[in-house]
Amino acid sequence: MPYKKILLAGFGLALLSPFALAQTAADYSRYSTYAAPKPQGQKMGGLRVFMLSGLKSHGAGAHDYPRWLDSWSKLLTEHGAVVDGAFSFPSAAQLANTDVMVIYRGDAGYMTPEQRALLQSYVKRGGGLVTFHDSLCGPDPADMATLVGAGKKHGEVNYTWTATLNYEVVDKNNPIIAGMPMEIYDEAFYKLNFAPEVKPILTVTMPDTPAARRGGGVGQTIPQMWTYEHTLPGGVPARAFVWMQGHMVDNLDDPRMRMVMLRGIAWAGKKPVGELADYVPPPPSAQ
């Protein structure tokens, strides 16, 4: 700003009466102390969900993590969750405001020591975890198993690639899978490191595909959906829910699978299983 204009601006302020100056300060104070507006459509006090996504890594329709982040942030909000999310690992402040962290991101087992410490602290205080597809893949399957019940080694041939998968129900009374299709075109995994506390819900007998033959998985029956309740040393009980499919993102957007995943997320957050799936938003006038 030119020197002359600065002088004029200062002169204009000097012409204001003491009353006007006091009033201006009062108005500024009043507006600056307003709370941020309530996010439109969000249920106050709902289950707090953080969505950790990644960049798209495969061909058309596969591993479309950005599409999931976009569509599921809306879906979860519509079902009464309070949603945050990012392509980068959450901060300590974000995790402090999270009940369930949902991960759909390739090889999420690769974490820095600082990220691993944050996640462990989160689980120790009872925070829930949900992972889809290859999110539990990384360099140390045994370590990942302590957090979500199983881990998968990166770089191994431990997958079928895409094929028709037939689910076999292990936990027939589990309400999470109500209405779920028992056949799906997706990818299944074997050579998983399981924690002893894992409770399988569904298994798949590995179909005869070139990748399954190469990795020696043909005919093996392996859990592909499970719940995991555990307590890390020095912590309180925590829960994890895992579904190993989701190679094709359309399967995550199947209305039947959406209900299953919503129930799994609510369970991992220590809420009633129907907390999200059965949520009915109030009329607009009541929000």
C-alpha atoms as a PDB file:
ATOM      1  CA  MET A   1       0.000   0.000   0.000  1.00  0.00           C
ATOM      2  CA  PRO A   2       1.464   3.444  -0.936  1.00  0.00           C
ATOM      3  CA  TYR A   3       2.607   5.617   1.961  1.00  0.00           C
ATOM      4  CA  LYS A   4      -0.049   8.252   1.304  1.00  0.00           C
ATOM      5  CA  LYS A   5      -2.854   5.660   1.455  1.00  0.00           C
ATOM      6  CA  ILE A   6      -1.529   4.321   4.744  1.00  0.00           C
ATOM      7  CA  LEU A   7      -1.704   7.815   6.211  1.00  0.00           C
ATOM      8  CA  LEU A   8      -5.257   8.270   4.943  1.00  0.00           C
ATOM      9  CA  ALA A   9      -6.337   4.934   6.354  1.00  0.00           C
ATOM     10  CA  GLY A  10      -4.902   5.818   9.742  1.00  0.00           C
ATOM     11  CA  PHE A  11      -6.516   9.249   9.586  1.00  0.00           C
ATOM     12  CA  GLY A  12      -9.889   7.623   8.881  1.00  0.00           C
ATOM     13  CA  LEU A  13      -9.608   5.509  12.016  1.00  0.00           C
ATOM     14  CA  ALA A  14      -8.654   8.589  14.043  1.00  0.00           C
ATOM     15  CA  LEU A  15     -11.881  10.292  12.983  1.00  0.00           C
ATOM     16  CA  LEU A  16     -13.960   7.532  14.596  1.00  0.00           C
ATOM     17  CA  SER A  17     -15.417   8.525  17.936  1.00  0.00           C
ATOM     18  CA  PRO A  18     -14.383   6.615  21.073  1.00  0.00           C
ATOM     19  CA  PHE A  19     -17.885   5.143  21.121  1.00  0.00           C
ATOM     20  CA  ALA A  20     -17.549   3.913  17.509  1.00  0.00           C
ATOM     21  CA  LEU A  21     -14.167   2.350  18.235  1.00  0.00           C
ATOM     22  CA  ALA A  22     -15.547   0.591  21.301  1.00  0.00           C
ATOM     23  CA  GLN A  23     -18.546  -0.638  19.310  1.00  0.00           C
ATOM     24  CA  THR A  24     -16.306  -1.979  16.530  1.00  0.00           C
ATOM     25  CA  ALA A  25     -14.185  -3.886  19.052  1.00  0.00           C
ATOM     26  CA  ALA A  26     -17.314  -5.307  20.677  1.00  0.00           C
ATOM     27  CA  ASP A  27     -18.685  -6.464  17.322  1.00  0.00           C
ATOM     28  CA  TYR A  28     -15.385  -8.127  16.441  1.00  0.00           C
ATOM     29  CA  SER A  29     -15.262  -9.904  19.794  1.00  0.00           C
ATOM     30  CA  ARG A  30     -18.842 -11.087  19.424  1.00  0.00           C
ATOM     31  CA  TYR A  31     -18.319 -12.576  15.956  1.00  0.00           C
ATOM     32  CA  SER A  32     -14.911 -14.066  16.704  1.00  0.00           C
ATOM     33  CA  THR A  33     -16.284 -16.102  19.620  1.00  0.00           C
ATOM     34  CA  TYR A  34     -18.993 -17.826  17.568  1.00  0.00           C
ATOM     35  CA  ALA A  35     -18.615 -21.591  17.422  1.00  0.00           C
ATOM     36  CA  ALA A  36     -18.146 -23.239  14.021  1.00  0.00           C
ATOM     37  CA  PRO A  37     -21.494 -24.122  12.442  1.00  0.00           C
ATOM     38  CA  LYS A  38     -22.739 -27.691  12.814  1.00  0.00           C
ATOM     39  CA  PRO A  39     -21.738 -29.736   9.734  1.00  0.00           C
ATOM     40  CA  GLN A  40     -24.822 -30.134   7.602  1.00  0.00           C
ATOM     41  CA  GLY A  41     -26.416 -33.558   7.841  1.00  0.00           C
ATOM     42  CA  GLN A  42     -24.212 -34.841  10.637  1.00  0.00           C
ATOM     43  CA  LYS A  43     -25.701 -36.556  13.653  1.00  0.00           C
ATOM     44  CA  MET A  44     -24.279 -34.881  16.722  1.00  0.00           C
ATOM     45  CA  GLY A  45     -22.855 -37.449  19.106  1.00  0.00           C
ATOM     46  CA  GLY A  46     -22.787 -40.195  16.481  1.00  0.00           C
ATOM     47  CA  LEU A  47     -20.134 -42.879  16.091  1.00  0.00           C
ATOM     48  CA  ARG A  48     -16.907 -41.103  15.141  1.00  0.00           C
ATOM     49  CA  VAL A  49     -15.327 -42.722  12.091  1.00  0.00           C
ATOM     50  CA  PHE A  50     -11.977 -41.916  10.490  1.00  0.00           C
ATOM     51  CA  MET A  51     -11.560 -43.232   6.920  1.00  0.00           C
ATOM     52  CA  LEU A  52      -7.973 -43.890   5.839  1.00  0.00           C
ATOM     53  CA  SER A  53      -7.743 -44.153   2.062  1.00  0.00           C
ATOM     54  CA  GLY A  54      -4.995 -44.307  -0.564  1.00  0.00           C
ATOM     55  CA  LEU A  55      -4.279 -43.553  -4.188  1.00  0.00           C
ATOM     56  CA  LYS A  56      -5.809 -45.772  -6.875  1.00  0.00           C
ATOM     57  CA  SER A  57      -3.361 -48.549  -7.697  1.00  0.00           C
ATOM     58  CA  HIS A  58      -5.022 -50.966 -10.168  1.00  0.00           C
ATOM     59  CA  GLY A  59      -7.028 -50.963 -13.392  1.00  0.00           C
ATOM     60  CA  ALA A  60     -10.626 -50.008 -14.017  1.00  0.00           C
ATOM     61  CA  GLY A  61     -12.913 -50.761 -11.083  1.00  0.00           C
ATOM     62  CA  ALA A  62     -10.173 -52.235  -8.866  1.00  0.00           C
ATOM     63  CA  HIS A  63      -8.530 -50.777  -5.743  1.00  0.00           C
ATOM     64  CA  ASP A  64     -10.358 -47.487  -6.306  1.00  0.00           C
ATOM     65  CA  TYR A  65      -9.643 -46.110  -2.850  1.00  0.00           C
ATOM     66  CA  PRO A  66     -10.479 -42.461  -3.744  1.00  0.00           C
ATOM     67  CA  ARG A  67     -13.918 -43.446  -5.040  1.00  0.00           C
ATOM     68  CA  TRP A  68     -14.550 -45.306  -1.775  1.00  0.00           C
ATOM     69  CA  LEU A  69     -13.510 -42.319   0.324  1.00  0.00           C
ATOM     70  CA  ASP A  70     -15.917 -40.106  -1.589  1.00  0.00           C
ATOM     71  CA  SER A  71     -18.940 -42.429  -1.642  1.00  0.00           C
ATOM     72  CA  TRP A  72     -18.529 -43.917   1.831  1.00  0.00           C
ATOM     73  CA  SER A  73     -17.997 -40.590   3.601  1.00  0.00           C
ATOM     74  CA  LYS A  74     -21.466 -39.669   2.351  1.00  0.00           C
ATOM     75  CA  LEU A  75     -22.911 -43.096   3.170  1.00  0.00           C
ATOM     76  CA  LEU A  76     -21.584 -43.088   6.736  1.00  0.00           C
ATOM     77  CA  THR A  77     -22.855 -39.554   7.304  1.00  0.00           C
ATOM     78  CA  GLU A  78     -26.292 -40.549   6.024  1.00  0.00           C
ATOM     79  CA  HIS A  79     -26.256 -43.436   8.499  1.00  0.00           C
ATOM     80  CA  GLY A  80     -25.558 -41.312  11.546  1.00  0.00           C
ATOM     81  CA  ALA A  81     -21.750 -41.373  11.779  1.00  0.00           C
ATOM     82  CA  VAL A  82     -19.541 -38.333  12.332  1.00  0.00           C
ATOM     83  CA  VAL A  83     -16.953 -38.701   9.577  1.00  0.00           C
ATOM     84  CA  ASP A  84     -13.373 -37.597   9.058  1.00  0.00           C
ATOM     85  CA  GLY A  85     -10.912 -39.012   6.557  1.00  0.00           C
ATOM     86  CA  ALA A  86      -7.796 -38.524   4.498  1.00  0.00           C
ATOM     87  CA  PHE A  87      -5.221 -40.087   2.204  1.00  0.00           C
ATOM     88  CA  SER A  88      -2.599 -39.585   4.887  1.00  0.00           C
ATOM     89  CA  PHE A  89      -2.237 -41.220   8.290  1.00  0.00           C
ATOM     90  CA  PRO A  90      -4.315 -39.482  10.996  1.00  0.00           C
ATOM     91  CA  SER A  91      -2.697 -37.252  13.599  1.00  0.00           C
ATOM     92  CA  ALA A  92      -2.861 -37.873  17.331  1.00  0.00           C
ATOM     93  CA  ALA A  93      -5.584 -35.203  17.568  1.00  0.00           C
ATOM     94  CA  GLN A  94      -7.658 -36.911  14.870  1.00  0.00           C
ATOM     95  CA  LEU A  95      -7.309 -40.314  16.523  1.00  0.00           C
ATOM     96  CA  ALA A  96      -8.316 -38.785  19.862  1.00  0.00           C
ATOM     97  CA  ASN A  97     -11.653 -37.957  18.202  1.00  0.00           C
ATOM     98  CA  THR A  98     -12.124 -41.369  16.581  1.00  0.00           C
ATOM     99  CA  ASP A  99     -14.112 -44.399  17.741  1.00  0.00           C
ATOM    100  CA  VAL A 100     -13.466 -46.546  14.659  1.00  0.00           C
ATOM    101  CA  MET A 101     -10.723 -46.226  12.052  1.00  0.00           C
ATOM    102  CA  VAL A 102     -11.748 -47.789   8.727  1.00  0.00           C
ATOM    103  CA  ILE A 103      -8.871 -48.576   6.364  1.00  0.00           C
ATOM    104  CA  TYR A 104      -9.178 -49.219   2.638  1.00  0.00           C
ATOM    105  CA  ARG A 105      -5.680 -48.556   1.396  1.00  0.00           C
ATOM    106  CA  GLY A 106      -3.137 -50.811  -0.253  1.00  0.00           C
ATOM    107  CA  ASP A 107      -0.404 -52.171   2.006  1.00  0.00           C
ATOM    108  CA  ALA A 108      -1.436 -50.107   5.016  1.00  0.00           C
ATOM    109  CA  GLY A 109       0.851 -52.285   7.147  1.00  0.00           C
ATOM    110  CA  TYR A 110       3.700 -50.062   6.015  1.00  0.00           C
ATOM    111  CA  MET A 111       3.873 -47.434   8.755  1.00  0.00           C
ATOM    112  CA  THR A 112       6.598 -45.223  10.141  1.00  0.00           C
ATOM    113  CA  PRO A 113       7.595 -45.931  13.760  1.00  0.00           C
ATOM    114  CA  GLU A 114       5.695 -42.784  14.775  1.00  0.00           C
ATOM    115  CA  GLN A 115       2.531 -43.899  12.959  1.00  0.00           C
ATOM    116  CA  ARG A 116       2.783 -47.374  14.439  1.00  0.00           C
ATOM    117  CA  ALA A 117       3.098 -45.902  17.940  1.00  0.00           C
ATOM    118  CA  LEU A 118       0.045 -43.685  17.362  1.00  0.00           C
ATOM    119  CA  LEU A 119      -2.011 -46.646  16.141  1.00  0.00           C
ATOM    120  CA  GLN A 120      -0.938 -48.823  19.028  1.00  0.00           C
ATOM    121  CA  SER A 121      -1.861 -46.102  21.544  1.00  0.00           C
ATOM    122  CA  TYR A 122      -5.226 -45.742  19.827  1.00  0.00           C
ATOM    123  CA  VAL A 123      -5.911 -49.489  20.081  1.00  0.00           C
ATOM    124  CA  LYS A 124      -4.681 -49.579  23.693  1.00  0.00           C
ATOM    125  CA  ARG A 125      -7.333 -47.081  24.703  1.00  0.00           C
ATOM    126  CA  GLY A 126      -9.984 -49.274  23.028  1.00  0.00           C
ATOM    127  CA  GLY A 127     -10.210 -47.720  19.574  1.00  0.00           C
ATOM    128  CA  GLY A 128     -11.821 -49.908  16.908  1.00  0.00           C
ATOM    129  CA  LEU A 129     -10.266 -50.944  13.598  1.00  0.00           C
ATOM    130  CA  VAL A 130     -11.906 -52.101  10.369  1.00  0.00           C
ATOM    131  CA  THR A 131      -9.942 -53.146   7.281  1.00  0.00           C
ATOM    132  CA  PHE A 132     -11.018 -54.076   3.784  1.00  0.00           C
ATOM    133  CA  HIS A 133      -9.104 -56.141   1.245  1.00  0.00           C
ATOM    134  CA  ASP A 134      -5.300 -55.778   1.227  1.00  0.00           C
ATOM    135  CA  SER A 135      -5.166 -53.083   3.902  1.00  0.00           C
ATOM    136  CA  LEU A 136      -3.587 -55.560   6.345  1.00  0.00           C
ATOM    137  CA  CYS A 137      -0.736 -56.285   3.931  1.00  0.00           C
ATOM    138  CA  GLY A 138       2.746 -55.141   4.924  1.00  0.00           C
ATOM    139  CA  PRO A 139       6.282 -56.133   5.896  1.00  0.00           C
ATOM    140  CA  ASP A 140       5.432 -57.776   9.244  1.00  0.00           C
ATOM    141  CA  PRO A 141       2.267 -59.934   9.196  1.00  0.00           C
ATOM    142  CA  ALA A 142       2.702 -61.074  12.798  1.00  0.00           C
ATOM    143  CA  ASP A 143       2.751 -57.477  14.006  1.00  0.00           C
ATOM    144  CA  MET A 144      -0.320 -56.562  11.955  1.00  0.00           C
ATOM    145  CA  ALA A 145      -2.097 -59.590  13.425  1.00  0.00           C
ATOM    146  CA  THR A 146      -1.801 -58.056  16.910  1.00  0.00           C
ATOM    147  CA  LEU A 147      -3.929 -55.127  15.699  1.00  0.00           C
ATOM    148  CA  VAL A 148      -6.550 -56.610  13.364  1.00  0.00           C
ATOM    149  CA  GLY A 149      -6.290 -60.366  13.910  1.00  0.00           C
ATOM    150  CA  ALA A 150      -4.218 -61.276  10.853  1.00  0.00           C
ATOM    151  CA  GLY A 151      -1.542 -59.980   8.536  1.00  0.00           C
ATOM    152  CA  LYS A 152      -0.437 -60.689   4.982  1.00  0.00           C
ATOM    153  CA  LYS A 153       3.139 -60.521   3.736  1.00  0.00           C
ATOM    154  CA  HIS A 154       3.795 -58.050   0.943  1.00  0.00           C
ATOM    155  CA  GLY A 155       5.593 -59.533  -2.051  1.00  0.00           C
ATOM    156  CA  GLU A 156       4.379 -63.119  -1.612  1.00  0.00           C
ATOM    157  CA  VAL A 157       2.006 -64.861  -3.995  1.00  0.00           C
ATOM    158  CA  ASN A 158      -0.803 -65.229  -1.479  1.00  0.00           C
ATOM    159  CA  TYR A 159      -3.810 -64.294  -3.601  1.00  0.00           C
ATOM    160  CA  THR A 160      -6.134 -65.852  -6.146  1.00  0.00           C
ATOM    161  CA  TRP A 161      -6.498 -62.780  -8.312  1.00  0.00           C
ATOM    162  CA  THR A 162     -10.092 -62.229  -9.423  1.00  0.00           C
ATOM    163  CA  ALA A 163     -12.387 -65.247  -9.438  1.00  0.00           C
ATOM    164  CA  THR A 164     -15.859 -66.349  -8.384  1.00  0.00           C
ATOM    165  CA  LEU A 165     -15.715 -66.934  -4.626  1.00  0.00           C
ATOM    166  CA  ASN A 166     -18.232 -69.015  -2.680  1.00  0.00           C
ATOM    167  CA  TYR A 167     -18.585 -68.139   0.986  1.00  0.00           C
ATOM    168  CA  GLU A 168     -18.987 -70.801   3.633  1.00  0.00           C
ATOM    169  CA  VAL A 169     -20.613 -69.532   6.827  1.00  0.00           C
ATOM    170  CA  VAL A 170     -18.780 -70.429  10.026  1.00  0.00           C
ATOM    171  CA  ASP A 171     -20.619 -68.206  12.503  1.00  0.00           C
ATOM    172  CA  LYS A 172     -24.219 -68.799  11.426  1.00  0.00           C
ATOM    173  CA  ASN A 173     -25.714 -66.714  14.243  1.00  0.00           C
ATOM    174  CA  ASN A 174     -23.641 -63.594  13.633  1.00  0.00           C
ATOM    175  CA  PRO A 175     -26.028 -60.707  12.813  1.00  0.00           C
ATOM    176  CA  ILE A 176     -23.349 -58.804  10.888  1.00  0.00           C
ATOM    177  CA  ILE A 177     -23.859 -60.929   7.738  1.00  0.00           C
ATOM    178  CA  ALA A 178     -27.661 -60.790   7.538  1.00  0.00           C
ATOM    179  CA  GLY A 179     -28.733 -60.598   3.885  1.00  0.00           C
ATOM    180  CA  MET A 180     -25.199 -60.992   2.553  1.00  0.00           C
ATOM    181  CA  PRO A 181     -24.667 -62.621  -0.874  1.00  0.00           C
ATOM    182  CA  MET A 182     -22.870 -65.951  -0.628  1.00  0.00           C
ATOM    183  CA  GLU A 183     -21.164 -65.669  -4.021  1.00  0.00           C
ATOM    184  CA  ILE A 184     -18.979 -62.797  -5.160  1.00  0.00           C
ATOM    185  CA  TYR A 185     -16.550 -62.022  -7.975  1.00  0.00           C
ATOM    186  CA  ASP A 186     -13.460 -60.703  -6.264  1.00  0.00           C
ATOM    187  CA  GLU A 187     -10.051 -61.769  -4.906  1.00  0.00           C
ATOM    188  CA  ALA A 188      -9.340 -64.057  -1.942  1.00  0.00           C
ATOM    189  CA  PHE A 189      -6.193 -64.496   0.146  1.00  0.00           C
ATOM    190  CA  TYR A 190      -4.285 -67.325   1.824  1.00  0.00           C
ATOM    191  CA  LYS A 191      -0.949 -67.539   3.705  1.00  0.00           C
ATOM    192  CA  LEU A 192      -2.344 -65.236   6.391  1.00  0.00           C
ATOM    193  CA  ASN A 193      -0.805 -64.974   9.866  1.00  0.00           C
ATOM    194  CA  PHE A 194      -3.722 -65.273  12.308  1.00  0.00           C
ATOM    195  CA  ALA A 195      -3.914 -64.278  15.957  1.00  0.00           C
ATOM    196  CA  PRO A 196      -5.428 -67.000  18.175  1.00  0.00           C
ATOM    197  CA  GLU A 197      -8.378 -64.820  19.273  1.00  0.00           C
ATOM    198  CA  VAL A 198      -9.767 -64.439  15.739  1.00  0.00           C
ATOM    199  CA  LYS A 199     -13.376 -65.577  15.308  1.00  0.00           C
ATOM    200  CA  PRO A 200     -14.055 -66.453  11.645  1.00  0.00           C
ATOM    201  CA  ILE A 201     -17.433 -65.503  10.229  1.00  0.00           C
ATOM    202  CA  LEU A 202     -16.930 -66.608   6.606  1.00  0.00           C
ATOM    203  CA  THR A 203     -14.375 -68.771   4.843  1.00  0.00           C
ATOM    204  CA  VAL A 204     -13.556 -69.377   1.174  1.00  0.00           C
ATOM    205  CA  THR A 205     -12.024 -72.498  -0.352  1.00  0.00           C
ATOM    206  CA  MET A 206      -9.419 -71.094  -2.744  1.00  0.00           C
ATOM    207  CA  PRO A 207     -10.474 -71.646  -6.370  1.00  0.00           C
ATOM    208  CA  ASP A 208      -8.108 -73.028  -8.996  1.00  0.00           C
ATOM    209  CA  THR A 209      -6.607 -69.913 -10.552  1.00  0.00           C
ATOM    210  CA  PRO A 210      -3.109 -69.412 -12.013  1.00  0.00           C
ATOM    211  CA  ALA A 211      -2.087 -67.274  -9.023  1.00  0.00           C
ATOM    212  CA  ALA A 212      -3.488 -69.765  -6.495  1.00  0.00           C
ATOM    213  CA  ARG A 213      -1.601 -72.591  -8.223  1.00  0.00           C
ATOM    214  CA  ARG A 214       1.593 -70.556  -8.244  1.00  0.00           C
ATOM    215  CA  GLY A 215       1.277 -69.776  -4.536  1.00  0.00           C
ATOM    216  CA  GLY A 216       0.109 -73.242  -3.507  1.00  0.00           C
ATOM    217  CA  GLY A 217      -3.266 -72.075  -2.238  1.00  0.00           C
ATOM    218  CA  VAL A 218      -5.683 -74.114  -4.374  1.00  0.00           C
ATOM    219  CA  GLY A 219      -8.165 -75.989  -2.204  1.00  0.00           C
ATOM    220  CA  GLN A 220      -7.193 -74.303   1.082  1.00  0.00           C
ATOM    221  CA  THR A 221     -10.132 -73.071   3.171  1.00  0.00           C
ATOM    222  CA  ILE A 222      -9.206 -69.714   4.697  1.00  0.00           C
ATOM    223  CA  PRO A 223     -11.214 -67.163   6.741  1.00  0.00           C
ATOM    224  CA  GLN A 224     -12.075 -64.091   4.668  1.00  0.00           C
ATOM    225  CA  MET A 225     -14.224 -62.254   7.221  1.00  0.00           C
ATOM    226  CA  TRP A 226     -13.740 -62.241  10.983  1.00  0.00           C
ATOM    227  CA  THR A 227     -14.089 -60.385  14.249  1.00  0.00           C
ATOM    228  CA  TYR A 228     -11.224 -59.915  16.681  1.00  0.00           C
ATOM    229  CA  GLU A 229     -11.513 -58.923  20.338  1.00  0.00           C
ATOM    230  CA  HIS A 230      -8.284 -58.470  22.223  1.00  0.00           C
ATOM    231  CA  THR A 231      -6.390 -56.375  24.743  1.00  0.00           C
ATOM    232  CA  LEU A 232      -2.915 -55.030  24.081  1.00  0.00           C
ATOM    233  CA  PRO A 233      -0.543 -55.082  27.091  1.00  0.00           C
ATOM    234  CA  GLY A 234      -1.374 -52.170  29.353  1.00  0.00           C
ATOM    235  CA  GLY A 235      -4.534 -51.348  27.456  1.00  0.00           C
ATOM    236  CA  VAL A 236      -8.292 -51.922  27.540  1.00  0.00           C
ATOM    237  CA  PRO A 237     -10.319 -54.301  25.316  1.00  0.00           C
ATOM    238  CA  ALA A 238     -10.478 -53.341  21.639  1.00  0.00           C
ATOM    239  CA  ARG A 239     -12.247 -54.738  18.589  1.00  0.00           C
ATOM    240  CA  ALA A 240     -11.427 -55.206  14.911  1.00  0.00           C
ATOM    241  CA  PHE A 241     -13.592 -56.314  11.986  1.00  0.00           C
ATOM    242  CA  VAL A 242     -11.993 -57.508   8.742  1.00  0.00           C
ATOM    243  CA  TRP A 243     -13.317 -58.339   5.278  1.00  0.00           C
ATOM    244  CA  MET A 244     -10.685 -59.538   2.833  1.00  0.00           C
ATOM    245  CA  GLN A 245     -12.640 -58.763  -0.321  1.00  0.00           C
ATOM    246  CA  GLY A 246     -13.069 -55.363  -1.977  1.00  0.00           C
ATOM    247  CA  HIS A 247     -10.619 -55.786  -4.853  1.00  0.00           C
ATOM    248  CA  MET A 248     -13.503 -54.638  -7.050  1.00  0.00           C
ATOM    249  CA  VAL A 249     -14.825 -51.448  -5.515  1.00  0.00           C
ATOM    250  CA  ASP A 250     -18.314 -52.148  -6.888  1.00  0.00           C
ATOM    251  CA  ASN A 251     -18.587 -54.894  -4.269  1.00  0.00           C
ATOM    252  CA  LEU A 252     -18.150 -52.293  -1.529  1.00  0.00           C
ATOM    253  CA  ASP A 253     -21.000 -50.325  -3.081  1.00  0.00           C
ATOM    254  CA  ASP A 254     -23.359 -53.310  -3.365  1.00  0.00           C
ATOM    255  CA  PRO A 255     -26.325 -52.302  -1.140  1.00  0.00           C
ATOM    256  CA  ARG A 256     -26.268 -55.693   0.600  1.00  0.00           C
ATOM    257  CA  MET A 257     -22.554 -55.500   1.346  1.00  0.00           C
ATOM    258  CA  ARG A 258     -22.916 -51.910   2.535  1.00  0.00           C
ATOM    259  CA  MET A 259     -25.272 -53.077   5.264  1.00  0.00           C
ATOM    260  CA  VAL A 260     -22.840 -55.812   6.283  1.00  0.00           C
ATOM    261  CA  MET A 261     -19.939 -53.360   6.466  1.00  0.00           C
ATOM    262  CA  LEU A 262     -22.006 -50.820   8.410  1.00  0.00           C
ATOM    263  CA  ARG A 263     -22.819 -53.503  10.971  1.00  0.00           C
ATOM    264  CA  GLY A 264     -19.168 -54.496  11.197  1.00  0.00           C
ATOM    265  CA  ILE A 265     -18.107 -50.886  11.734  1.00  0.00           C
ATOM    266  CA  ALA A 266     -20.690 -50.395  14.485  1.00  0.00           C
ATOM    267  CA  TRP A 267     -19.573 -53.623  16.165  1.00  0.00           C
ATOM    268  CA  ALA A 268     -15.925 -52.550  16.067  1.00  0.00           C
ATOM    269  CA  GLY A 269     -16.989 -49.255  17.676  1.00  0.00           C
ATOM    270  CA  LYS A 270     -18.629 -51.154  20.554  1.00  0.00           C
ATOM    271  CA  LYS A 271     -22.083 -50.013  19.502  1.00  0.00           C
ATOM    272  CA  PRO A 272     -25.179 -52.122  18.817  1.00  0.00           C
ATOM    273  CA  VAL A 273     -24.716 -53.920  15.502  1.00  0.00           C
ATOM    274  CA  GLY A 274     -27.612 -52.004  13.936  1.00  0.00           C
ATOM    275  CA  GLU A 275     -26.418 -48.571  15.114  1.00  0.00           C
ATOM    276  CA  LEU A 276     -25.516 -47.445  11.568  1.00  0.00           C
ATOM    277  CA  ALA A 277     -27.333 -49.887   9.283  1.00  0.00           C
ATOM    278  CA  ASP A 278     -30.726 -49.244  10.898  1.00  0.00           C
ATOM    279  CA  TYR A 279     -30.277 -45.501  11.429  1.00  0.00           C
ATOM    280  CA  VAL A 280     -33.195 -43.327  10.315  1.00  0.00           C
ATOM    281  CA  PRO A 281     -32.328 -39.618  10.098  1.00  0.00           C
ATOM    282  CA  PRO A 282     -34.732 -37.195  11.757  1.00  0.00           C
ATOM    283  CA  PRO A 283     -36.865 -34.878   9.625  1.00  0.00           C
ATOM    284  CA  PRO A 284     -34.962 -31.794   8.382  1.00  0.00           C
ATOM    285  CA  SER A 285     -36.857 -29.546  10.803  1.00  0.00           C
ATOM    286  CA  ALA A 286     -35.581 -31.596  13.761  1.00  0.00           C
ATOM    287  CA  GLN A 287     -31.893 -31.379  12.777  1.00  0.00           C
END
